[in-house]
Amino acid sequence: MVQIATFALAFTAALSSFVSAGPLENRETAIKGCTNGGIYCGFALKQKSADYNYRINDALNAAGTSTDIKHTDQSIFICGGDNYITFDQFCPNGCVGGTKDDDYCSDTDAKRGMKFGERSEE
């Protein structure tokens, strides 16, 4: 009986240390790979950490944009400090990314070697 009580007490202590951190703090420790100033497709962020699903939906909601799968995967997000992301644009023709370079919308100036924010003189 004493062994059961000791086990229950140890289990409760271990569980309380996990729960006391709270869900947001637990999510913070799970995120890896978002570089401050980096430009990412939604699908590329999700490949880095499943927690980006929450952050992508939050960023899309804040911008008043749909949170369907096409928008979550085929949109551009800019990474800020502490893995904070902001929605930049939806890529109707698809998002190209997943490499070490900044991601970009298909059929845009970025595909022709322009840096993000630059536009051709056409």
PDB file of N, CA and C in Angstrom:
ATOM      1  N   MET A   1       0.822  -1.182   0.000  1.00  0.00           N
ATOM      2  CA  MET A   1       0.000   0.000   0.000  1.00  0.00           C
ATOM      3  C   MET A   1       0.872   1.254   0.000  1.00  0.00           C
ATOM      4  N   VAL A   2       1.969   1.227   0.791  1.00  0.00           N
ATOM      5  CA  VAL A   2       2.871   2.373   0.861  1.00  0.00           C
ATOM      6  C   VAL A   2       3.543   2.584  -0.496  1.00  0.00           C
ATOM      7  N   GLN A   3       3.885   1.494  -1.170  1.00  0.00           N
ATOM      8  CA  GLN A   3       4.515   1.608  -2.486  1.00  0.00           C
ATOM      9  C   GLN A   3       3.578   2.265  -3.496  1.00  0.00           C
ATOM     10  N   ILE A   4       2.311   1.932  -3.451  1.00  0.00           N
ATOM     11  CA  ILE A   4       1.337   2.533  -4.365  1.00  0.00           C
ATOM     12  C   ILE A   4       1.216   4.025  -4.083  1.00  0.00           C
ATOM     13  N   ALA A   5       1.149   4.396  -2.829  1.00  0.00           N
ATOM     14  CA  ALA A   5       1.038   5.811  -2.463  1.00  0.00           C
ATOM     15  C   ALA A   5       2.293   6.571  -2.879  1.00  0.00           C
ATOM     16  N   THR A   6       3.465   5.965  -2.706  1.00  0.00           N
ATOM     17  CA  THR A   6       4.720   6.604  -3.103  1.00  0.00           C
ATOM     18  C   THR A   6       4.761   6.801  -4.614  1.00  0.00           C
ATOM     19  N   PHE A   7       4.344   5.775  -5.347  1.00  0.00           N
ATOM     20  CA  PHE A   7       4.311   5.883  -6.807  1.00  0.00           C
ATOM     21  C   PHE A   7       3.332   6.972  -7.250  1.00  0.00           C
ATOM     22  N   ALA A   8       2.161   7.000  -6.650  1.00  0.00           N
ATOM     23  CA  ALA A   8       1.151   8.001  -7.010  1.00  0.00           C
ATOM     24  C   ALA A   8       1.667   9.408  -6.735  1.00  0.00           C
ATOM     25  N   LEU A   9       2.352   9.591  -5.629  1.00  0.00           N
ATOM     26  CA  LEU A   9       2.905  10.899  -5.283  1.00  0.00           C
ATOM     27  C   LEU A   9       3.999  11.305  -6.274  1.00  0.00           C
ATOM     28  N   ALA A  10       4.872  10.386  -6.631  1.00  0.00           N
ATOM     29  CA  ALA A  10       5.941  10.682  -7.588  1.00  0.00           C
ATOM     30  C   ALA A  10       5.360  10.989  -8.968  1.00  0.00           C
ATOM     31  N   PHE A  11       4.356  10.228  -9.367  1.00  0.00           N
ATOM     32  CA  PHE A  11       3.713  10.455 -10.660  1.00  0.00           C
ATOM     33  C   PHE A  11       3.032  11.820 -10.697  1.00  0.00           C
ATOM     34  N   THR A  12       2.344  12.176  -9.629  1.00  0.00           N
ATOM     35  CA  THR A  12       1.665  13.474  -9.547  1.00  0.00           C
ATOM     36  C   THR A  12       2.671  14.615  -9.607  1.00  0.00           C
ATOM     37  N   ALA A  13       3.796  14.478  -8.936  1.00  0.00           N
ATOM     38  CA  ALA A  13       4.826  15.523  -8.957  1.00  0.00           C
ATOM     39  C   ALA A  13       5.400  15.687 -10.358  1.00  0.00           C
ATOM     40  N   ALA A  14       5.657  14.583 -11.025  1.00  0.00           N
ATOM     41  CA  ALA A  14       6.196  14.657 -12.387  1.00  0.00           C
ATOM     42  C   ALA A  14       5.181  15.277 -13.337  1.00  0.00           C
ATOM     43  N   LEU A  15       3.940  14.893 -13.204  1.00  0.00           N
ATOM     44  CA  LEU A  15       2.886  15.431 -14.059  1.00  0.00           C
ATOM     45  C   LEU A  15       2.674  16.917 -13.805  1.00  0.00           C
ATOM     46  N   SER A  16       2.715  17.341 -12.557  1.00  0.00           N
ATOM     47  CA  SER A  16       2.487  18.759 -12.253  1.00  0.00           C
ATOM     48  C   SER A  16       3.601  19.637 -12.807  1.00  0.00           C
ATOM     49  N   SER A  17       4.825  19.146 -12.864  1.00  0.00           N
ATOM     50  CA  SER A  17       5.902  19.956 -13.435  1.00  0.00           C
ATOM     51  C   SER A  17       5.708  20.134 -14.934  1.00  0.00           C
ATOM     52  N   PHE A  18       5.117  19.140 -15.593  1.00  0.00           N
ATOM     53  CA  PHE A  18       4.829  19.257 -17.026  1.00  0.00           C
ATOM     54  C   PHE A  18       3.669  20.215 -17.263  1.00  0.00           C
ATOM     55  N   VAL A  19       2.611  20.080 -16.502  1.00  0.00           N
ATOM     56  CA  VAL A  19       1.411  20.893 -16.680  1.00  0.00           C
ATOM     57  C   VAL A  19       1.653  22.337 -16.266  1.00  0.00           C
ATOM     58  N   SER A  20       2.458  22.580 -15.258  1.00  0.00           N
ATOM     59  CA  SER A  20       2.649  23.945 -14.767  1.00  0.00           C
ATOM     60  C   SER A  20       3.310  24.849 -15.789  1.00  0.00           C
ATOM     61  N   ALA A  21       4.026  24.281 -16.749  1.00  0.00           N
ATOM     62  CA  ALA A  21       4.654  25.109 -17.770  1.00  0.00           C
ATOM     63  C   ALA A  21       3.619  25.731 -18.690  1.00  0.00           C
ATOM     64  N   GLY A  22       2.458  25.106 -18.819  1.00  0.00           N
ATOM     65  CA  GLY A  22       1.403  25.657 -19.656  1.00  0.00           C
ATOM     66  C   GLY A  22       1.613  25.295 -21.114  1.00  0.00           C
ATOM     67  N   PRO A  23       0.538  25.301 -21.888  1.00  0.00           N
ATOM     68  CA  PRO A  23       0.645  24.869 -23.278  1.00  0.00           C
ATOM     69  C   PRO A  23       1.507  25.784 -24.136  1.00  0.00           C
ATOM     70  N   LEU A  24       1.448  27.105 -23.950  1.00  0.00           N
ATOM     71  CA  LEU A  24       2.233  28.010 -24.781  1.00  0.00           C
ATOM     72  C   LEU A  24       3.718  27.822 -24.535  1.00  0.00           C
ATOM     73  N   GLU A  25       4.101  27.691 -23.269  1.00  0.00           N
ATOM     74  CA  GLU A  25       5.515  27.499 -22.967  1.00  0.00           C
ATOM     75  C   GLU A  25       6.010  26.178 -23.528  1.00  0.00           C
ATOM     76  N   ASN A  26       5.181  25.144 -23.489  1.00  0.00           N
ATOM     77  CA  ASN A  26       5.578  23.866 -24.069  1.00  0.00           C
ATOM     78  C   ASN A  26       5.757  23.999 -25.571  1.00  0.00           C
ATOM     79  N   ARG A  27       4.876  24.767 -26.222  1.00  0.00           N
ATOM     80  CA  ARG A  27       4.998  24.966 -27.663  1.00  0.00           C
ATOM     81  C   ARG A  27       6.264  25.731 -27.993  1.00  0.00           C
ATOM     82  N   GLU A  28       6.642  26.705 -27.170  1.00  0.00           N
ATOM     83  CA  GLU A  28       7.841  27.497 -27.430  1.00  0.00           C
ATOM     84  C   GLU A  28       9.077  26.600 -27.505  1.00  0.00           C
ATOM     85  N   THR A  29       9.170  25.618 -26.636  1.00  0.00           N
ATOM     86  CA  THR A  29      10.356  24.775 -26.616  1.00  0.00           C
ATOM     87  C   THR A  29      10.378  23.802 -27.787  1.00  0.00           C
ATOM     88  N   ALA A  30       9.226  23.542 -28.406  1.00  0.00           N
ATOM     89  CA  ALA A  30       9.163  22.567 -29.491  1.00  0.00           C
ATOM     90  C   ALA A  30       9.552  23.157 -30.840  1.00  0.00           C
ATOM     91  N   ILE A  31       9.557  24.481 -30.960  1.00  0.00           N
ATOM     92  CA  ILE A  31       9.797  25.113 -32.257  1.00  0.00           C
ATOM     93  C   ILE A  31      11.283  25.175 -32.558  1.00  0.00           C
ATOM     94  N   LYS A  32      11.618  24.806 -33.787  1.00  0.00           N
ATOM     95  CA  LYS A  32      13.006  24.879 -34.244  1.00  0.00           C
ATOM     96  C   LYS A  32      13.016  25.361 -35.685  1.00  0.00           C
ATOM     97  N   GLY A  33      14.023  26.118 -36.042  1.00  0.00           N
ATOM     98  CA  GLY A  33      14.280  26.364 -37.442  1.00  0.00           C
ATOM     99  C   GLY A  33      13.828  27.660 -38.061  1.00  0.00           C
ATOM    100  N   CYS A  34      13.041  28.477 -37.403  1.00  0.00           N
ATOM    101  CA  CYS A  34      12.602  29.743 -37.988  1.00  0.00           C
ATOM    102  C   CYS A  34      13.671  30.797 -37.714  1.00  0.00           C
ATOM    103  N   THR A  35      14.290  31.296 -38.772  1.00  0.00           N
ATOM    104  CA  THR A  35      15.363  32.279 -38.645  1.00  0.00           C
ATOM    105  C   THR A  35      14.796  33.686 -38.738  1.00  0.00           C
ATOM    106  N   ASN A  36      15.160  34.547 -37.796  1.00  0.00           N
ATOM    107  CA  ASN A  36      14.673  35.925 -37.774  1.00  0.00           C
ATOM    108  C   ASN A  36      14.940  36.595 -39.120  1.00  0.00           C
ATOM    109  N   GLY A  37      13.890  37.116 -39.744  1.00  0.00           N
ATOM    110  CA  GLY A  37      14.002  37.751 -41.050  1.00  0.00           C
ATOM    111  C   GLY A  37      13.839  36.792 -42.209  1.00  0.00           C
ATOM    112  N   GLY A  38      13.773  35.501 -41.926  1.00  0.00           N
ATOM    113  CA  GLY A  38      13.613  34.506 -42.981  1.00  0.00           C
ATOM    114  C   GLY A  38      12.223  34.543 -43.589  1.00  0.00           C
ATOM    115  N   ILE A  39      12.129  34.150 -44.840  1.00  0.00           N
ATOM    116  CA  ILE A  39      10.870  34.144 -45.579  1.00  0.00           C
ATOM    117  C   ILE A  39      10.552  32.695 -45.925  1.00  0.00           C
ATOM    118  N   TYR A  40       9.384  32.227 -45.470  1.00  0.00           N
ATOM    119  CA  TYR A  40       9.047  30.810 -45.555  1.00  0.00           C
ATOM    120  C   TYR A  40       7.666  30.576 -46.143  1.00  0.00           C
ATOM    121  N   CYS A  41       7.532  29.498 -46.909  1.00  0.00           N
ATOM    122  CA  CYS A  41       6.219  28.983 -47.290  1.00  0.00           C
ATOM    123  C   CYS A  41       5.625  28.306 -46.055  1.00  0.00           C
ATOM    124  N   GLY A  42       4.310  28.298 -45.971  1.00  0.00           N
ATOM    125  CA  GLY A  42       3.658  27.639 -44.846  1.00  0.00           C
ATOM    126  C   GLY A  42       4.026  26.173 -44.731  1.00  0.00           C
ATOM    127  N   PHE A  43       4.068  25.462 -45.864  1.00  0.00           N
ATOM    128  CA  PHE A  43       4.388  24.030 -45.802  1.00  0.00           C
ATOM    129  C   PHE A  43       5.796  23.800 -45.272  1.00  0.00           C
ATOM    130  N   ALA A  44       6.718  24.718 -45.572  1.00  0.00           N
ATOM    131  CA  ALA A  44       8.099  24.568 -45.101  1.00  0.00           C
ATOM    132  C   ALA A  44       8.172  24.779 -43.589  1.00  0.00           C
ATOM    133  N   LEU A  45       7.395  25.719 -43.070  1.00  0.00           N
ATOM    134  CA  LEU A  45       7.357  25.923 -41.617  1.00  0.00           C
ATOM    135  C   LEU A  45       6.792  24.690 -40.925  1.00  0.00           C
ATOM    136  N   LYS A  46       5.741  24.111 -41.486  1.00  0.00           N
ATOM    137  CA  LYS A  46       5.138  22.921 -40.879  1.00  0.00           C
ATOM    138  C   LYS A  46       6.105  21.744 -40.868  1.00  0.00           C
ATOM    139  N   GLN A  47       6.993  21.678 -41.867  1.00  0.00           N
ATOM    140  CA  GLN A  47       7.994  20.608 -41.891  1.00  0.00           C
ATOM    141  C   GLN A  47       9.013  20.785 -40.771  1.00  0.00           C
ATOM    142  N   LYS A  48       9.249  22.018 -40.350  1.00  0.00           N
ATOM    143  CA  LYS A  48      10.200  22.286 -39.272  1.00  0.00           C
ATOM    144  C   LYS A  48       9.635  21.894 -37.914  1.00  0.00           C
ATOM    145  N   SER A  49       8.350  22.192 -37.694  1.00  0.00           N
ATOM    146  CA  SER A  49       7.719  21.873 -36.416  1.00  0.00           C
ATOM    147  C   SER A  49       6.205  21.871 -36.580  1.00  0.00           C
ATOM    148  N   ALA A  50       5.549  20.875 -36.026  1.00  0.00           N
ATOM    149  CA  ALA A  50       4.087  20.813 -36.085  1.00  0.00           C
ATOM    150  C   ALA A  50       3.454  22.008 -35.386  1.00  0.00           C
ATOM    151  N   ASP A  51       4.175  22.643 -34.477  1.00  0.00           N
ATOM    152  CA  ASP A  51       3.622  23.793 -33.766  1.00  0.00           C
ATOM    153  C   ASP A  51       3.347  24.964 -34.700  1.00  0.00           C
ATOM    154  N   TYR A  52       4.006  25.003 -35.832  1.00  0.00           N
ATOM    155  CA  TYR A  52       3.739  26.102 -36.762  1.00  0.00           C
ATOM    156  C   TYR A  52       2.312  26.058 -37.294  1.00  0.00           C
ATOM    157  N   ASN A  53       1.629  24.919 -37.206  1.00  0.00           N
ATOM    158  CA  ASN A  53       0.215  24.883 -37.584  1.00  0.00           C
ATOM    159  C   ASN A  53      -0.561  25.940 -36.818  1.00  0.00           C
ATOM    160  N   TYR A  54      -0.322  26.040 -35.507  1.00  0.00           N
ATOM    161  CA  TYR A  54      -1.005  27.037 -34.675  1.00  0.00           C
ATOM    162  C   TYR A  54      -0.601  28.449 -35.074  1.00  0.00           C
ATOM    163  N   ARG A  55       0.677  28.661 -35.240  1.00  0.00           N
ATOM    164  CA  ARG A  55       1.178  30.001 -35.549  1.00  0.00           C
ATOM    165  C   ARG A  55       0.725  30.470 -36.933  1.00  0.00           C
ATOM    166  N   ILE A  56       0.697  29.564 -37.895  1.00  0.00           N
ATOM    167  CA  ILE A  56       0.226  29.910 -39.239  1.00  0.00           C
ATOM    168  C   ILE A  56      -1.243  30.317 -39.184  1.00  0.00           C
ATOM    169  N   ASN A  57      -2.062  29.523 -38.507  1.00  0.00           N
ATOM    170  CA  ASN A  57      -3.480  29.869 -38.383  1.00  0.00           C
ATOM    171  C   ASN A  57      -3.663  31.206 -37.682  1.00  0.00           C
ATOM    172  N   ASP A  58      -2.892  31.464 -36.635  1.00  0.00           N
ATOM    173  CA  ASP A  58      -2.972  32.751 -35.932  1.00  0.00           C
ATOM    174  C   ASP A  58      -2.609  33.904 -36.859  1.00  0.00           C
ATOM    175  N   ALA A  59      -1.542  33.737 -37.644  1.00  0.00           N
ATOM    176  CA  ALA A  59      -1.097  34.802 -38.552  1.00  0.00           C
ATOM    177  C   ALA A  59      -2.126  35.048 -39.653  1.00  0.00           C
ATOM    178  N   LEU A  60      -2.708  33.977 -40.189  1.00  0.00           N
ATOM    179  CA  LEU A  60      -3.730  34.133 -41.223  1.00  0.00           C
ATOM    180  C   LEU A  60      -4.984  34.792 -40.660  1.00  0.00           C
ATOM    181  N   ASN A  61      -5.402  34.376 -39.468  1.00  0.00           N
ATOM    182  CA  ASN A  61      -6.562  35.000 -38.825  1.00  0.00           C
ATOM    183  C   ASN A  61      -6.328  36.482 -38.576  1.00  0.00           C
ATOM    184  N   ALA A  62      -5.137  36.831 -38.109  1.00  0.00           N
ATOM    185  CA  ALA A  62      -4.815  38.239 -37.838  1.00  0.00           C
ATOM    186  C   ALA A  62      -4.872  39.076 -39.110  1.00  0.00           C
ATOM    187  N   ALA A  63      -4.572  38.459 -40.250  1.00  0.00           N
ATOM    188  CA  ALA A  63      -4.601  39.168 -41.536  1.00  0.00           C
ATOM    189  C   ALA A  63      -5.975  39.095 -42.201  1.00  0.00           C
ATOM    190  N   GLY A  64      -6.917  38.382 -41.583  1.00  0.00           N
ATOM    191  CA  GLY A  64      -8.246  38.244 -42.165  1.00  0.00           C
ATOM    192  C   GLY A  64      -8.275  37.347 -43.386  1.00  0.00           C
ATOM    193  N   THR A  65      -7.368  36.380 -43.425  1.00  0.00           N
ATOM    194  CA  THR A  65      -7.229  35.475 -44.568  1.00  0.00           C
ATOM    195  C   THR A  65      -7.734  34.086 -44.197  1.00  0.00           C
ATOM    196  N   SER A  66      -8.187  33.344 -45.182  1.00  0.00           N
ATOM    197  CA  SER A  66      -8.683  31.989 -44.970  1.00  0.00           C
ATOM    198  C   SER A  66      -7.609  31.111 -44.334  1.00  0.00           C
ATOM    199  N   THR A  67      -8.055  30.156 -43.523  1.00  0.00           N
ATOM    200  CA  THR A  67      -7.124  29.206 -42.897  1.00  0.00           C
ATOM    201  C   THR A  67      -7.280  27.805 -43.492  1.00  0.00           C
ATOM    202  N   ASP A  68      -7.795  27.723 -44.719  1.00  0.00           N
ATOM    203  CA  ASP A  68      -7.895  26.411 -45.352  1.00  0.00           C
ATOM    204  C   ASP A  68      -6.492  25.907 -45.700  1.00  0.00           C
ATOM    205  N   ILE A  69      -6.401  24.642 -46.071  1.00  0.00           N
ATOM    206  CA  ILE A  69      -5.100  24.001 -46.293  1.00  0.00           C
ATOM    207  C   ILE A  69      -4.304  24.686 -47.399  1.00  0.00           C
ATOM    208  N   LYS A  70      -4.980  25.159 -48.437  1.00  0.00           N
ATOM    209  CA  LYS A  70      -4.264  25.831 -49.526  1.00  0.00           C
ATOM    210  C   LYS A  70      -3.591  27.104 -49.015  1.00  0.00           C
ATOM    211  N   HIS A  71      -4.290  27.864 -48.179  1.00  0.00           N
ATOM    212  CA  HIS A  71      -3.713  29.099 -47.647  1.00  0.00           C
ATOM    213  C   HIS A  71      -2.631  28.824 -46.597  1.00  0.00           C
ATOM    214  N   THR A  72      -2.810  27.782 -45.797  1.00  0.00           N
ATOM    215  CA  THR A  72      -1.780  27.495 -44.793  1.00  0.00           C
ATOM    216  C   THR A  72      -0.492  27.009 -45.439  1.00  0.00           C
ATOM    217  N   ASP A  73      -0.602  26.231 -46.504  1.00  0.00           N
ATOM    218  CA  ASP A  73       0.586  25.677 -47.155  1.00  0.00           C
ATOM    219  C   ASP A  73       1.193  26.601 -48.204  1.00  0.00           C
ATOM    220  N   GLN A  74       0.362  27.320 -48.950  1.00  0.00           N
ATOM    221  CA  GLN A  74       0.828  28.086 -50.111  1.00  0.00           C
ATOM    222  C   GLN A  74       0.839  29.595 -49.861  1.00  0.00           C
ATOM    223  N   SER A  75       1.182  29.992 -48.668  1.00  0.00           N
ATOM    224  CA  SER A  75       1.336  31.409 -48.340  1.00  0.00           C
ATOM    225  C   SER A  75       2.753  31.662 -47.870  1.00  0.00           C
ATOM    226  N   ILE A  76       3.162  32.913 -47.974  1.00  0.00           N
ATOM    227  CA  ILE A  76       4.490  33.343 -47.525  1.00  0.00           C
ATOM    228  C   ILE A  76       4.360  33.964 -46.139  1.00  0.00           C
ATOM    229  N   PHE A  77       5.275  33.581 -45.250  1.00  0.00           N
ATOM    230  CA  PHE A  77       5.329  34.118 -43.895  1.00  0.00           C
ATOM    231  C   PHE A  77       6.734  34.639 -43.628  1.00  0.00           C
ATOM    232  N   ILE A  78       6.807  35.715 -42.865  1.00  0.00           N
ATOM    233  CA  ILE A  78       8.101  36.282 -42.485  1.00  0.00           C
ATOM    234  C   ILE A  78       8.320  35.973 -41.015  1.00  0.00           C
ATOM    235  N   CYS A  79       9.486  35.431 -40.712  1.00  0.00           N
ATOM    236  CA  CYS A  79       9.822  35.050 -39.343  1.00  0.00           C
ATOM    237  C   CYS A  79      10.419  36.237 -38.608  1.00  0.00           C
ATOM    238  N   GLY A  80       9.886  36.508 -37.428  1.00  0.00           N
ATOM    239  CA  GLY A  80      10.430  37.549 -36.567  1.00  0.00           C
ATOM    240  C   GLY A  80      11.152  36.917 -35.398  1.00  0.00           C
ATOM    241  N   GLY A  81      11.537  37.703 -34.439  1.00  0.00           N
ATOM    242  CA  GLY A  81      12.213  37.176 -33.259  1.00  0.00           C
ATOM    243  C   GLY A  81      11.331  36.213 -32.489  1.00  0.00           C
ATOM    244  N   ASP A  82      11.949  35.319 -31.780  1.00  0.00           N
ATOM    245  CA  ASP A  82      11.259  34.319 -30.958  1.00  0.00           C
ATOM    246  C   ASP A  82      10.264  33.479 -31.757  1.00  0.00           C
ATOM    247  N   ASN A  83      10.594  33.188 -33.013  1.00  0.00           N
ATOM    248  CA  ASN A  83       9.766  32.344 -33.875  1.00  0.00           C
ATOM    249  C   ASN A  83       8.381  32.914 -34.154  1.00  0.00           C
ATOM    250  N   TYR A  84       8.208  34.210 -33.972  1.00  0.00           N
ATOM    251  CA  TYR A  84       6.951  34.874 -34.298  1.00  0.00           C
ATOM    252  C   TYR A  84       6.882  35.030 -35.812  1.00  0.00           C
ATOM    253  N   ILE A  85       5.768  34.652 -36.416  1.00  0.00           N
ATOM    254  CA  ILE A  85       5.638  34.787 -37.867  1.00  0.00           C
ATOM    255  C   ILE A  85       4.481  35.720 -38.209  1.00  0.00           C
ATOM    256  N   THR A  86       4.616  36.402 -39.347  1.00  0.00           N
ATOM    257  CA  THR A  86       3.537  37.240 -39.865  1.00  0.00           C
ATOM    258  C   THR A  86       3.236  36.812 -41.296  1.00  0.00           C
ATOM    259  N   PHE A  87       1.966  36.889 -41.652  1.00  0.00           N
ATOM    260  CA  PHE A  87       1.524  36.579 -43.004  1.00  0.00           C
ATOM    261  C   PHE A  87       1.988  37.692 -43.931  1.00  0.00           C
ATOM    262  N   ASP A  88       2.546  37.319 -45.085  1.00  0.00           N
ATOM    263  CA  ASP A  88       2.963  38.308 -46.072  1.00  0.00           C
ATOM    264  C   ASP A  88       2.042  38.284 -47.285  1.00  0.00           C
ATOM    265  N   GLN A  89       1.902  37.109 -47.908  1.00  0.00           N
ATOM    266  CA  GLN A  89       1.048  37.022 -49.095  1.00  0.00           C
ATOM    267  C   GLN A  89       0.671  35.581 -49.387  1.00  0.00           C
ATOM    268  N   PHE A  90      -0.464  35.422 -50.067  1.00  0.00           N
ATOM    269  CA  PHE A  90      -0.905  34.122 -50.555  1.00  0.00           C
ATOM    270  C   PHE A  90      -0.334  33.927 -51.952  1.00  0.00           C
ATOM    271  N   CYS A  91       0.088  32.719 -52.265  1.00  0.00           N
ATOM    272  CA  CYS A  91       0.668  32.399 -53.572  1.00  0.00           C
ATOM    273  C   CYS A  91      -0.344  31.575 -54.372  1.00  0.00           C
ATOM    274  N   PRO A  92      -1.161  32.218 -55.219  1.00  0.00           N
ATOM    275  CA  PRO A  92      -2.205  31.481 -55.939  1.00  0.00           C
ATOM    276  C   PRO A  92      -1.659  30.422 -56.894  1.00  0.00           C
ATOM    277  N   ASN A  93      -0.428  30.596 -57.365  1.00  0.00           N
ATOM    278  CA  ASN A  93       0.181  29.610 -58.267  1.00  0.00           C
ATOM    279  C   ASN A  93       1.133  28.667 -57.549  1.00  0.00           C
ATOM    280  N   GLY A  94       1.135  28.706 -56.232  1.00  0.00           N
ATOM    281  CA  GLY A  94       1.981  27.825 -55.447  1.00  0.00           C
ATOM    282  C   GLY A  94       3.170  28.542 -54.846  1.00  0.00           C
ATOM    283  N   CYS A  95       3.676  27.969 -53.790  1.00  0.00           N
ATOM    284  CA  CYS A  95       4.813  28.519 -53.055  1.00  0.00           C
ATOM    285  C   CYS A  95       6.018  27.613 -53.291  1.00  0.00           C
ATOM    286  N   VAL A  96       7.165  28.206 -53.540  1.00  0.00           N
ATOM    287  CA  VAL A  96       8.390  27.456 -53.809  1.00  0.00           C
ATOM    288  C   VAL A  96       9.317  27.642 -52.621  1.00  0.00           C
ATOM    289  N   GLY A  97       9.760  26.546 -52.037  1.00  0.00           N
ATOM    290  CA  GLY A  97      10.641  26.691 -50.886  1.00  0.00           C
ATOM    291  C   GLY A  97      11.091  25.380 -50.317  1.00  0.00           C
ATOM    292  N   GLY A  98      11.603  25.481 -49.103  1.00  0.00           N
ATOM    293  CA  GLY A  98      12.098  24.315 -48.412  1.00  0.00           C
ATOM    294  C   GLY A  98      13.605  24.165 -48.487  1.00  0.00           C
ATOM    295  N   THR A  99      14.281  25.109 -49.169  1.00  0.00           N
ATOM    296  CA  THR A  99      15.744  25.073 -49.235  1.00  0.00           C
ATOM    297  C   THR A  99      16.298  26.082 -48.237  1.00  0.00           C
ATOM    298  N   LYS A 100      17.593  26.313 -48.268  1.00  0.00           N
ATOM    299  CA  LYS A 100      18.212  27.284 -47.364  1.00  0.00           C
ATOM    300  C   LYS A 100      17.949  28.724 -47.800  1.00  0.00           C
ATOM    301  N   ASP A 101      17.554  28.928 -49.067  1.00  0.00           N
ATOM    302  CA  ASP A 101      17.246  30.270 -49.554  1.00  0.00           C
ATOM    303  C   ASP A 101      15.846  30.673 -49.112  1.00  0.00           C
ATOM    304  N   ASP A 102      15.556  31.990 -49.187  1.00  0.00           N
ATOM    305  CA  ASP A 102      14.210  32.458 -48.885  1.00  0.00           C
ATOM    306  C   ASP A 102      13.213  31.837 -49.853  1.00  0.00           C
ATOM    307  N   ASP A 103      12.033  31.507 -49.335  1.00  0.00           N
ATOM    308  CA  ASP A 103      10.974  30.944 -50.157  1.00  0.00           C
ATOM    309  C   ASP A 103      10.285  32.065 -50.931  1.00  0.00           C
ATOM    310  N   TYR A 104       9.525  31.699 -51.961  1.00  0.00           N
ATOM    311  CA  TYR A 104       8.869  32.712 -52.796  1.00  0.00           C
ATOM    312  C   TYR A 104       7.660  32.107 -53.501  1.00  0.00           C
ATOM    313  N   CYS A 105       6.800  32.987 -54.009  1.00  0.00           N
ATOM    314  CA  CYS A 105       5.645  32.554 -54.789  1.00  0.00           C
ATOM    315  C   CYS A 105       6.103  32.152 -56.185  1.00  0.00           C
ATOM    316  N   SER A 106       5.518  31.098 -56.708  1.00  0.00           N
ATOM    317  CA  SER A 106       5.801  30.669 -58.070  1.00  0.00           C
ATOM    318  C   SER A 106       5.375  31.765 -59.042  1.00  0.00           C
ATOM    319  N   ASP A 107       6.119  31.910 -60.141  1.00  0.00           N
ATOM    320  CA  ASP A 107       5.818  32.907 -61.178  1.00  0.00           C
ATOM    321  C   ASP A 107       5.902  34.341 -60.668  1.00  0.00           C
ATOM    322  N   THR A 108       6.903  34.629 -59.830  1.00  0.00           N
ATOM    323  CA  THR A 108       7.107  35.996 -59.342  1.00  0.00           C
ATOM    324  C   THR A 108       8.515  36.447 -59.689  1.00  0.00           C
ATOM    325  N   ASP A 109       8.790  37.716 -59.413  1.00  0.00           N
ATOM    326  CA  ASP A 109      10.129  38.264 -59.635  1.00  0.00           C
ATOM    327  C   ASP A 109      11.180  37.487 -58.859  1.00  0.00           C
ATOM    328  N   ALA A 110      10.818  36.995 -57.675  1.00  0.00           N
ATOM    329  CA  ALA A 110      11.782  36.258 -56.848  1.00  0.00           C
ATOM    330  C   ALA A 110      12.290  35.024 -57.583  1.00  0.00           C
ATOM    331  N   LYS A 111      11.444  34.425 -58.403  1.00  0.00           N
ATOM    332  CA  LYS A 111      11.840  33.237 -59.150  1.00  0.00           C
ATOM    333  C   LYS A 111      12.923  33.581 -60.170  1.00  0.00           C
ATOM    334  N   ARG A 112      12.945  34.838 -60.618  1.00  0.00           N
ATOM    335  CA  ARG A 112      13.930  35.267 -61.604  1.00  0.00           C
ATOM    336  C   ARG A 112      15.187  35.824 -60.941  1.00  0.00           C
ATOM    337  N   GLY A 113      15.355  35.567 -59.661  1.00  0.00           N
ATOM    338  CA  GLY A 113      16.580  35.959 -58.984  1.00  0.00           C
ATOM    339  C   GLY A 113      16.510  37.285 -58.251  1.00  0.00           C
ATOM    340  N   MET A 114      15.333  37.917 -58.187  1.00  0.00           N
ATOM    341  CA  MET A 114      15.199  39.175 -57.460  1.00  0.00           C
ATOM    342  C   MET A 114      15.136  38.869 -55.968  1.00  0.00           C
ATOM    343  N   LYS A 115      15.618  39.778 -55.147  1.00  0.00           N
ATOM    344  CA  LYS A 115      15.501  39.626 -53.707  1.00  0.00           C
ATOM    345  C   LYS A 115      14.104  40.037 -53.278  1.00  0.00           C
ATOM    346  N   PHE A 116      13.680  39.535 -52.132  1.00  0.00           N
ATOM    347  CA  PHE A 116      12.354  39.843 -51.619  1.00  0.00           C
ATOM    348  C   PHE A 116      12.184  41.352 -51.485  1.00  0.00           C
ATOM    349  N   GLY A 117      11.067  41.863 -51.978  1.00  0.00           N
ATOM    350  CA  GLY A 117      10.780  43.289 -51.888  1.00  0.00           C
ATOM    351  C   GLY A 117      11.220  44.074 -53.109  1.00  0.00           C
ATOM    352  N   GLU A 118      12.124  43.533 -53.919  1.00  0.00           N
ATOM    353  CA  GLU A 118      12.561  44.221 -55.138  1.00  0.00           C
ATOM    354  C   GLU A 118      11.583  43.904 -56.263  1.00  0.00           C
ATOM    355  N   ARG A 119      11.444  44.821 -57.178  1.00  0.00           N
ATOM    356  CA  ARG A 119      10.589  44.603 -58.345  1.00  0.00           C
ATOM    357  C   ARG A 119      11.366  44.953 -59.603  1.00  0.00           C
ATOM    358  N   SER A 120      11.059  44.252 -60.671  1.00  0.00           N
ATOM    359  CA  SER A 120      11.742  44.525 -61.936  1.00  0.00           C
ATOM    360  C   SER A 120      11.265  45.859 -62.501  1.00  0.00           C
ATOM    361  N   GLU A 121      12.034  46.420 -63.427  1.00  0.00           N
ATOM    362  CA  GLU A 121      11.720  47.713 -64.030  1.00  0.00           C
ATOM    363  C   GLU A 121      10.832  47.575 -65.255  1.00  0.00           C
ATOM    364  N   GLU A 122      10.236  46.426 -65.487  1.00  0.00           N
ATOM    365  CA  GLU A 122       9.418  46.166 -66.677  1.00  0.00           C
ATOM    366  C   GLU A 122       8.325  47.168 -66.853  1.00  0.00           C
TER     367      GLU A 122
END
